[in-house]
Protein backbone atom coordinates (compact mmCIF):
# COMPACT_ATOMS: atom_id res chain seq x y z
CA MET A 1 8.49 6.92 0.99
CA LEU A 2 7.13 7.47 -2.88
CA LEU A 3 4.25 6.99 -2.20
CA ASP A 4 4.71 9.69 0.88
CA GLU A 5 6.52 11.63 -1.27
CA GLY A 6 3.83 11.43 -4.31
CA ARG A 7 6.19 9.88 -6.57
CA PHE A 8 3.27 8.27 -8.13
CA ALA A 9 4.89 8.45 -11.23
CA GLU A 10 7.60 6.96 -10.49
CA LEU A 11 6.72 3.52 -9.10
CA ASP A 12 7.26 1.75 -12.34
CA SER A 13 10.63 1.54 -9.91
CA VAL A 14 8.50 -0.50 -8.11
CA PHE A 15 5.86 -2.66 -9.88
CA THR A 16 6.10 -4.50 -13.16
CA ALA A 17 3.64 -2.99 -15.97
CA ASP A 18 0.58 -5.62 -15.59
CA VAL A 19 1.40 -5.52 -11.18
CA VAL A 20 -2.15 -6.82 -9.75
CA ALA A 21 -2.83 -5.19 -5.98
CA ASP A 22 -5.82 -5.74 -4.30
CA PHE A 23 -7.24 -4.30 -1.21
CA PRO A 24 -9.90 -5.83 1.01
CA ASP A 25 -10.47 -4.46 3.42
CA PHE A 26 -9.46 -1.09 2.55
CA GLY A 27 -12.04 -0.16 -0.09
CA GLY A 28 -11.98 -3.75 -1.90
CA ALA A 29 -9.83 -2.53 -4.71
CA HIS A 30 -8.85 -4.47 -7.53
CA LEU A 31 -6.51 -3.34 -9.23
CA ASP A 32 -4.75 -4.63 -12.71
CA SER A 33 -2.57 -2.50 -13.72
CA LEU A 34 0.61 -0.05 -12.96
CA ASP A 35 -1.68 2.79 -14.31
CA ALA A 36 -4.85 1.94 -12.38
CA LEU A 37 -2.20 1.80 -8.96
CA ILE A 38 -1.15 5.60 -10.38
CA ALA A 39 -4.32 6.47 -10.73
CA PHE A 40 -5.34 5.17 -6.93
CA ALA A 41 -2.74 6.39 -4.78
CA GLY A 42 -2.87 9.46 -6.91
CA ASP A 43 -5.69 9.58 -4.82
CA MET A 44 -5.16 10.15 -1.82
CA PRO A 45 -3.77 13.42 -1.44
CA GLU A 46 -8.09 14.09 -2.27
CA ASN A 47 -8.34 12.36 1.42
CA PHE A 48 -5.82 13.27 4.05
CA ASP A 49 -3.21 15.87 5.00
CA SER A 50 -0.47 13.57 5.58
CA VAL A 51 0.60 10.25 5.30
CA GLN A 52 3.42 7.95 6.76
CA HIS A 53 3.59 3.98 5.58
CA LEU A 54 6.41 2.10 7.25
CA ILE A 55 7.03 -1.26 6.22
CA ALA A 56 8.79 -3.80 8.04
CA ASN A 57 9.73 -6.66 8.86
CA VAL A 58 9.75 -8.25 5.65
CA VAL A 59 10.46 -11.66 5.36
CA VAL A 60 11.40 -14.10 1.78
CA LEU A 61 8.88 -16.71 2.16
CA ASP A 62 9.48 -18.44 -0.94
CA LEU A 63 12.40 -17.91 -3.67
CA ASP A 64 13.90 -19.33 -6.94
CA ALA A 65 15.72 -17.82 -9.73
CA ASP A 66 13.46 -14.96 -10.19
CA ARG A 67 10.41 -15.61 -8.54
CA ALA A 68 9.32 -14.53 -4.72
CA THR A 69 6.97 -14.43 -2.24
CA MET A 70 7.52 -12.38 1.09
CA ARG A 71 5.03 -11.25 3.65
CA ALA A 72 5.70 -7.10 5.53
CA ASN A 73 4.34 -5.60 7.98
CA LEU A 74 2.82 -2.57 7.45
CA VAL A 75 2.13 0.94 9.80
CA TRP A 76 0.02 3.76 8.44
CA TRP A 77 -0.32 6.93 9.90
CA SER A 78 -2.20 9.58 8.13
CA THR A 79 -3.73 12.93 9.24
CA TYR A 80 -6.73 15.05 7.74
CA SER A 81 -5.36 18.60 9.17
CA ALA A 82 -2.71 19.99 9.76
CA ASP A 83 -5.35 22.04 12.18
CA ASP A 84 -5.86 19.25 14.29
CA PRO A 85 -3.72 16.73 14.84
CA THR A 86 -6.28 15.41 16.65
CA ASP A 87 -8.04 14.27 13.33
CA TYR A 88 -5.88 10.77 12.39
CA TRP A 89 -6.02 7.69 11.11
CA VAL A 90 -3.77 5.01 11.96
CA VAL A 91 -4.07 1.26 10.87
CA GLY A 92 -1.50 -1.55 10.42
CA SER A 93 -1.80 -3.91 7.89
CA VAL A 94 -0.19 -7.25 5.95
CA TYR A 95 1.01 -7.37 2.83
CA ARG A 96 1.60 -10.11 1.05
CA PHE A 97 4.17 -9.67 -2.22
CA GLN A 98 4.93 -11.79 -5.03
CA ALA A 99 8.43 -10.08 -7.08
CA VAL A 100 9.26 -11.47 -9.99
CA ARG A 101 13.07 -10.36 -11.99
CA THR A 102 13.21 -8.15 -15.00
CA GLU A 103 15.56 -7.06 -17.28
CA VAL A 104 16.25 -4.12 -14.78
CA GLY A 105 15.39 -6.06 -11.18
CA TRP A 106 12.92 -7.28 -9.32
CA ARG A 107 9.27 -5.59 -9.23
CA LEU A 108 6.66 -6.43 -7.35
CA SER A 109 4.01 -7.80 -9.31
CA ARG A 110 1.39 -8.69 -7.26
CA MET A 111 0.06 -7.15 -3.19
CA GLU A 112 -2.60 -7.50 -1.12
CA LEU A 113 -3.03 -5.85 1.61
CA SER A 114 -4.64 -6.81 4.83
CA GLY A 115 -6.17 -5.24 7.27
CA ARG A 116 -5.05 -6.01 10.79
CA TRP A 117 -6.41 -2.87 13.75
CA SER A 118 -7.07 0.54 13.06
CA ASP A 119 -7.54 3.83 15.48
CA GLY A 120 -9.06 7.10 14.75
CA ARG A 121 -11.40 7.77 11.84
CA ALA A 122 -11.52 5.47 9.02
CA PRO A 123 -12.04 7.54 5.42
CA ASP A 124 -14.88 7.76 3.42
CA PHE A 125 -13.41 4.93 0.94
CA VAL A 126 -13.30 2.52 4.27
CA GLN A 127 -16.65 0.48 4.37
CA THR A 128 -15.58 -2.00 7.13
CA PRO A 129 -12.15 -0.80 8.83
CA PRO A 130 -10.09 -3.40 10.43
CA GLN A 131 -10.56 -2.63 14.57
CA ARG A 132 -7.90 -2.79 17.19
């Protein structure tokens, strides 16, 4: 919801300051800090008129007292123009997360997003979109 609403400055409520984020199927971005992730997320409105992320089927794969490894599915809808709903991009992906317990609660310390399928017009920053 933070991404969809453009509330990028609040991403510190989800991620650690030294978060590592990899997007191998979406432009190959490798980010190594919260500041880099916020800047990356802040560039998204330049590409789309609207976006909506749906994260589901979150599974905790491994858990100990202060660390967790998780997997989740993502479907991301985006439109390029409010005037043309046929100009869109939808992508299905899998997130892999690592989380750590901090003084202020659980935060994601690592994130990787791998594409599975897509439909519509991929944005320019995606060299090879996942195919349906």
